[in-house]
Amino acid sequence: MAMQIRPETPADIDAITALTAAAFLHAAHTSHTEQFIINALRAAGQLSLSLVAVDGALLLGHVALSPVTVSDGSTGWYGLGPISVLPSSQGQGVGSQLMRRALTDLQDLGAAGCVLLGDPGYYARFGFAPHPGLVLDGVPPEYFMAMGFGGALPVGTVQYHAAFDAVA
């Protein structure tokens, strides 16, 4: 596999939508709206980073990053997700490479840190951990994790963009 990770282009949008729907089709914890969230973030100008993993013309994976707000007024924080890998390519390191590149690119943008909602068993290996002072309402604390890029972690409630409520 000669995988390359690069920013999305307009030509990737339909493939990202299809890939995301396929990746979450049988996922245990999903609203099956992830593809709509990405499109709504893009339409709102809130898709800060949108990276694709490709092998030639085949889209293998995608990760979206968007700004979040924190009730304590902290700035420079982003939410990672959705992240998707083509079902036939899962378990081959595509998601891990997308994660590493996304975190590097966020730091290059001068981000203060990143939050995500997901499986602690998977995301801990990248440095994410729950932090008692940082919460996402309605979510068990062990599934909401953060990683700071050098400064103090905020203390407060995180809010994602309204695009995360998209259902179509």
C-alpha atoms as a PDB file:
ATOM      1  CA  MET A   1       0.000   0.000   0.000  1.00  0.00           C
ATOM      2  CA  ALA A   2       1.408   3.381  -1.063  1.00  0.00           C
ATOM      3  CA  MET A   3      -0.734   5.503   1.216  1.00  0.00           C
ATOM      4  CA  GLN A   4      -0.520   9.282   1.146  1.00  0.00           C
ATOM      5  CA  ILE A   5      -2.181  11.693   3.584  1.00  0.00           C
ATOM      6  CA  ARG A   6      -3.176  15.086   2.212  1.00  0.00           C
ATOM      7  CA  PRO A   7      -5.780  17.814   2.689  1.00  0.00           C
ATOM      8  CA  GLU A   8      -9.147  17.115   1.092  1.00  0.00           C
ATOM      9  CA  THR A   9      -9.952  18.637  -2.273  1.00  0.00           C
ATOM     10  CA  PRO A  10     -13.422  19.426  -3.668  1.00  0.00           C
ATOM     11  CA  ALA A  11     -13.138  16.255  -5.767  1.00  0.00           C
ATOM     12  CA  ASP A  12     -12.939  14.190  -2.527  1.00  0.00           C
ATOM     13  CA  ILE A  13     -16.199  15.392  -0.966  1.00  0.00           C
ATOM     14  CA  ASP A  14     -18.569  12.737  -2.340  1.00  0.00           C
ATOM     15  CA  ALA A  15     -16.068   9.966  -1.574  1.00  0.00           C
ATOM     16  CA  ILE A  16     -15.621  11.281   2.001  1.00  0.00           C
ATOM     17  CA  THR A  17     -19.401  11.212   2.480  1.00  0.00           C
ATOM     18  CA  ALA A  18     -19.658   7.622   1.209  1.00  0.00           C
ATOM     19  CA  LEU A  19     -16.600   6.440   3.155  1.00  0.00           C
ATOM     20  CA  THR A  20     -17.876   7.958   6.410  1.00  0.00           C
ATOM     21  CA  ALA A  21     -21.303   6.362   6.041  1.00  0.00           C
ATOM     22  CA  ALA A  22     -19.693   2.973   5.315  1.00  0.00           C
ATOM     23  CA  ALA A  23     -17.212   3.245   8.191  1.00  0.00           C
ATOM     24  CA  PHE A  24     -19.952   3.923  10.753  1.00  0.00           C
ATOM     25  CA  LEU A  25     -22.566   1.555   9.300  1.00  0.00           C
ATOM     26  CA  HIS A  26     -21.961  -1.184  11.894  1.00  0.00           C
ATOM     27  CA  ALA A  27     -20.243   0.871  14.614  1.00  0.00           C
ATOM     28  CA  ALA A  28     -21.424   0.227  18.167  1.00  0.00           C
ATOM     29  CA  HIS A  29     -21.916   3.849  19.229  1.00  0.00           C
ATOM     30  CA  THR A  30     -23.143   6.016  16.385  1.00  0.00           C
ATOM     31  CA  SER A  31     -26.002   8.220  15.355  1.00  0.00           C
ATOM     32  CA  HIS A  32     -25.279   7.420  11.689  1.00  0.00           C
ATOM     33  CA  THR A  33     -25.049  11.166  11.055  1.00  0.00           C
ATOM     34  CA  GLU A  34     -21.264  11.469  10.889  1.00  0.00           C
ATOM     35  CA  GLN A  35     -21.216  12.160   7.143  1.00  0.00           C
ATOM     36  CA  PHE A  36     -23.824  14.910   7.611  1.00  0.00           C
ATOM     37  CA  ILE A  37     -21.744  16.462  10.403  1.00  0.00           C
ATOM     38  CA  ILE A  38     -18.692  16.714   8.139  1.00  0.00           C
ATOM     39  CA  ASN A  39     -20.713  18.302   5.338  1.00  0.00           C
ATOM     40  CA  ALA A  40     -22.354  20.750   7.770  1.00  0.00           C
ATOM     41  CA  LEU A  41     -18.966  21.719   9.240  1.00  0.00           C
ATOM     42  CA  ARG A  42     -17.650  22.316   5.714  1.00  0.00           C
ATOM     43  CA  ALA A  43     -20.719  24.393   4.765  1.00  0.00           C
ATOM     44  CA  ALA A  44     -20.348  26.492   7.936  1.00  0.00           C
ATOM     45  CA  GLY A  45     -16.648  27.147   7.293  1.00  0.00           C
ATOM     46  CA  GLN A  46     -15.775  25.266  10.492  1.00  0.00           C
ATOM     47  CA  LEU A  47     -13.796  22.383   9.013  1.00  0.00           C
ATOM     48  CA  SER A  48     -10.371  23.570  10.178  1.00  0.00           C
ATOM     49  CA  LEU A  49      -8.557  20.468   8.961  1.00  0.00           C
ATOM     50  CA  SER A  50      -9.925  17.777   6.698  1.00  0.00           C
ATOM     51  CA  LEU A  51      -7.349  15.152   5.811  1.00  0.00           C
ATOM     52  CA  VAL A  52      -7.719  12.140   3.575  1.00  0.00           C
ATOM     53  CA  ALA A  53      -5.647   8.984   3.341  1.00  0.00           C
ATOM     54  CA  VAL A  54      -5.445   7.768  -0.252  1.00  0.00           C
ATOM     55  CA  ASP A  55      -3.821   4.932  -2.143  1.00  0.00           C
ATOM     56  CA  GLY A  56      -3.816   6.167  -5.715  1.00  0.00           C
ATOM     57  CA  ALA A  57      -7.422   7.096  -6.469  1.00  0.00           C
ATOM     58  CA  LEU A  58      -8.829   5.003  -3.591  1.00  0.00           C
ATOM     59  CA  LEU A  59      -9.924   6.907  -0.494  1.00  0.00           C
ATOM     60  CA  LEU A  60      -8.885   4.844   2.541  1.00  0.00           C
ATOM     61  CA  GLY A  61      -9.668   7.214   5.392  1.00  0.00           C
ATOM     62  CA  HIS A  62     -10.649  10.692   6.513  1.00  0.00           C
ATOM     63  CA  VAL A  63     -10.367  12.823   9.644  1.00  0.00           C
ATOM     64  CA  ALA A  64     -12.133  16.091  10.440  1.00  0.00           C
ATOM     65  CA  LEU A  65     -11.063  18.712  12.972  1.00  0.00           C
ATOM     66  CA  SER A  66     -13.084  21.734  13.995  1.00  0.00           C
ATOM     67  CA  PRO A  67     -12.900  24.440  16.658  1.00  0.00           C
ATOM     68  CA  VAL A  68     -14.646  23.912  19.985  1.00  0.00           C
ATOM     69  CA  THR A  69     -15.539  26.396  22.686  1.00  0.00           C
ATOM     70  CA  VAL A  70     -14.723  25.949  26.350  1.00  0.00           C
ATOM     71  CA  SER A  71     -16.821  27.632  29.031  1.00  0.00           C
ATOM     72  CA  ASP A  72     -13.724  29.002  30.813  1.00  0.00           C
ATOM     73  CA  GLY A  73     -12.900  31.094  27.723  1.00  0.00           C
ATOM     74  CA  SER A  74      -9.847  29.073  26.685  1.00  0.00           C
ATOM     75  CA  THR A  75      -9.040  29.496  23.006  1.00  0.00           C
ATOM     76  CA  GLY A  76      -7.229  27.406  20.427  1.00  0.00           C
ATOM     77  CA  TRP A  77      -8.985  24.138  21.206  1.00  0.00           C
ATOM     78  CA  TYR A  78     -10.219  21.770  18.519  1.00  0.00           C
ATOM     79  CA  GLY A  79     -12.384  18.684  18.356  1.00  0.00           C
ATOM     80  CA  LEU A  80     -11.131  15.680  16.424  1.00  0.00           C
ATOM     81  CA  GLY A  81     -13.789  13.712  14.631  1.00  0.00           C
ATOM     82  CA  PRO A  82     -15.350  12.135  12.916  1.00  0.00           C
ATOM     83  CA  ILE A  83     -12.476   9.916  11.850  1.00  0.00           C
ATOM     84  CA  SER A  84     -13.296   7.152   9.373  1.00  0.00           C
ATOM     85  CA  VAL A  85     -11.470   4.299   7.688  1.00  0.00           C
ATOM     86  CA  LEU A  86     -12.770   2.249   4.780  1.00  0.00           C
ATOM     87  CA  PRO A  87     -14.043  -0.995   6.360  1.00  0.00           C
ATOM     88  CA  SER A  88     -11.755  -3.159   4.180  1.00  0.00           C
ATOM     89  CA  SER A  89      -8.740  -1.081   5.319  1.00  0.00           C
ATOM     90  CA  GLN A  90      -9.471  -1.065   9.060  1.00  0.00           C
ATOM     91  CA  GLY A  91      -6.811  -2.595  11.288  1.00  0.00           C
ATOM     92  CA  GLN A  92      -4.013  -1.707   8.852  1.00  0.00           C
ATOM     93  CA  GLY A  93      -2.741   1.492  10.487  1.00  0.00           C
ATOM     94  CA  VAL A  94      -4.668   3.968   8.332  1.00  0.00           C
ATOM     95  CA  GLY A  95      -6.487   5.488  11.316  1.00  0.00           C
ATOM     96  CA  SER A  96      -3.295   5.703  13.364  1.00  0.00           C
ATOM     97  CA  GLN A  97      -1.474   7.531  10.585  1.00  0.00           C
ATOM     98  CA  LEU A  98      -4.390   9.920  10.118  1.00  0.00           C
ATOM     99  CA  MET A  99      -4.422  10.612  13.881  1.00  0.00           C
ATOM    100  CA  ARG A 100      -0.696  11.352  14.020  1.00  0.00           C
ATOM    101  CA  ARG A 101      -0.827  13.648  10.998  1.00  0.00           C
ATOM    102  CA  ALA A 102      -3.915  15.457  12.310  1.00  0.00           C
ATOM    103  CA  LEU A 103      -2.276  16.125  15.670  1.00  0.00           C
ATOM    104  CA  THR A 104       0.935  17.335  14.011  1.00  0.00           C
ATOM    105  CA  ASP A 105      -1.001  19.644  11.684  1.00  0.00           C
ATOM    106  CA  LEU A 106      -3.016  21.028  14.625  1.00  0.00           C
ATOM    107  CA  GLN A 107       0.180  21.844  16.491  1.00  0.00           C
ATOM    108  CA  ASP A 108       1.558  23.491  13.345  1.00  0.00           C
ATOM    109  CA  LEU A 109      -1.564  25.710  13.341  1.00  0.00           C
ATOM    110  CA  GLY A 110      -0.696  26.814  16.880  1.00  0.00           C
ATOM    111  CA  ALA A 111      -3.569  24.959  18.541  1.00  0.00           C
ATOM    112  CA  ALA A 112      -3.643  24.813  22.336  1.00  0.00           C
ATOM    113  CA  GLY A 113      -5.033  21.292  22.333  1.00  0.00           C
ATOM    114  CA  CYS A 114      -7.526  18.785  21.086  1.00  0.00           C
ATOM    115  CA  VAL A 115     -10.546  16.961  22.483  1.00  0.00           C
ATOM    116  CA  LEU A 116     -12.422  13.935  21.229  1.00  0.00           C
ATOM    117  CA  LEU A 117     -15.204  11.576  22.091  1.00  0.00           C
ATOM    118  CA  GLY A 118     -14.252   7.941  21.679  1.00  0.00           C
ATOM    119  CA  ASP A 119     -12.891   4.658  22.971  1.00  0.00           C
ATOM    120  CA  PRO A 120     -10.238   5.262  25.643  1.00  0.00           C
ATOM    121  CA  GLY A 121      -8.614   1.925  24.755  1.00  0.00           C
ATOM    122  CA  TYR A 122      -7.868   3.236  21.277  1.00  0.00           C
ATOM    123  CA  TYR A 123      -7.168   6.936  21.777  1.00  0.00           C
ATOM    124  CA  ALA A 124      -4.963   6.671  24.883  1.00  0.00           C
ATOM    125  CA  ARG A 125      -2.098   5.441  22.694  1.00  0.00           C
ATOM    126  CA  PHE A 126      -1.980   8.874  21.037  1.00  0.00           C
ATOM    127  CA  GLY A 127      -1.794  10.699  24.363  1.00  0.00           C
ATOM    128  CA  PHE A 128      -5.476  11.409  24.961  1.00  0.00           C
ATOM    129  CA  ALA A 129      -6.852  11.012  28.472  1.00  0.00           C
ATOM    130  CA  PRO A 130      -9.949  12.038  30.416  1.00  0.00           C
ATOM    131  CA  HIS A 131      -9.477  15.179  32.519  1.00  0.00           C
ATOM    132  CA  PRO A 132     -11.912  15.676  35.416  1.00  0.00           C
ATOM    133  CA  GLY A 133     -12.154  19.451  34.913  1.00  0.00           C
ATOM    134  CA  LEU A 134     -12.990  19.233  31.219  1.00  0.00           C
ATOM    135  CA  VAL A 135     -16.431  17.859  30.410  1.00  0.00           C
ATOM    136  CA  LEU A 136     -18.839  17.309  27.553  1.00  0.00           C
ATOM    137  CA  ASP A 137     -22.406  17.384  28.846  1.00  0.00           C
ATOM    138  CA  GLY A 138     -24.259  14.082  28.647  1.00  0.00           C
ATOM    139  CA  VAL A 139     -21.159  11.987  27.993  1.00  0.00           C
ATOM    140  CA  PRO A 140     -19.555   9.518  30.428  1.00  0.00           C
ATOM    141  CA  PRO A 141     -16.288  11.199  31.459  1.00  0.00           C
ATOM    142  CA  GLU A 142     -14.076   8.252  30.494  1.00  0.00           C
ATOM    143  CA  TYR A 143     -15.090   8.666  26.819  1.00  0.00           C
ATOM    144  CA  PHE A 144     -14.372  12.395  26.576  1.00  0.00           C
ATOM    145  CA  MET A 145     -10.635  12.913  26.347  1.00  0.00           C
ATOM    146  CA  ALA A 146      -8.211  15.752  25.795  1.00  0.00           C
ATOM    147  CA  MET A 147      -4.612  16.375  24.887  1.00  0.00           C
ATOM    148  CA  GLY A 148      -2.894  19.697  25.517  1.00  0.00           C
ATOM    149  CA  PHE A 149      -0.024  20.899  23.390  1.00  0.00           C
ATOM    150  CA  GLY A 150       2.074  22.428  26.124  1.00  0.00           C
ATOM    151  CA  GLY A 151      -0.109  24.834  28.098  1.00  0.00           C
ATOM    152  CA  ALA A 152      -2.483  24.269  30.967  1.00  0.00           C
ATOM    153  CA  LEU A 153      -5.618  22.297  30.230  1.00  0.00           C
ATOM    154  CA  PRO A 154      -8.831  24.286  30.391  1.00  0.00           C
ATOM    155  CA  VAL A 155     -11.409  23.691  33.086  1.00  0.00           C
ATOM    156  CA  GLY A 156     -14.976  23.858  31.923  1.00  0.00           C
ATOM    157  CA  THR A 157     -17.621  22.497  29.609  1.00  0.00           C
ATOM    158  CA  VAL A 158     -16.750  21.916  25.961  1.00  0.00           C
ATOM    159  CA  GLN A 159     -19.214  22.699  23.208  1.00  0.00           C
ATOM    160  CA  TYR A 160     -18.905  21.498  19.629  1.00  0.00           C
ATOM    161  CA  HIS A 161     -20.207  23.537  16.678  1.00  0.00           C
ATOM    162  CA  ALA A 162     -23.936  23.294  15.921  1.00  0.00           C
ATOM    163  CA  ALA A 163     -23.008  21.256  12.812  1.00  0.00           C
ATOM    164  CA  PHE A 164     -22.709  18.269  15.144  1.00  0.00           C
ATOM    165  CA  ASP A 165     -26.508  18.318  15.351  1.00  0.00           C
ATOM    166  CA  ALA A 166     -26.869  17.760  11.588  1.00  0.00           C
ATOM    167  CA  VAL A 167     -29.121  14.854  10.648  1.00  0.00           C
ATOM    168  CA  ALA A 168     -29.226  15.210   6.867  1.00  0.00           C
END
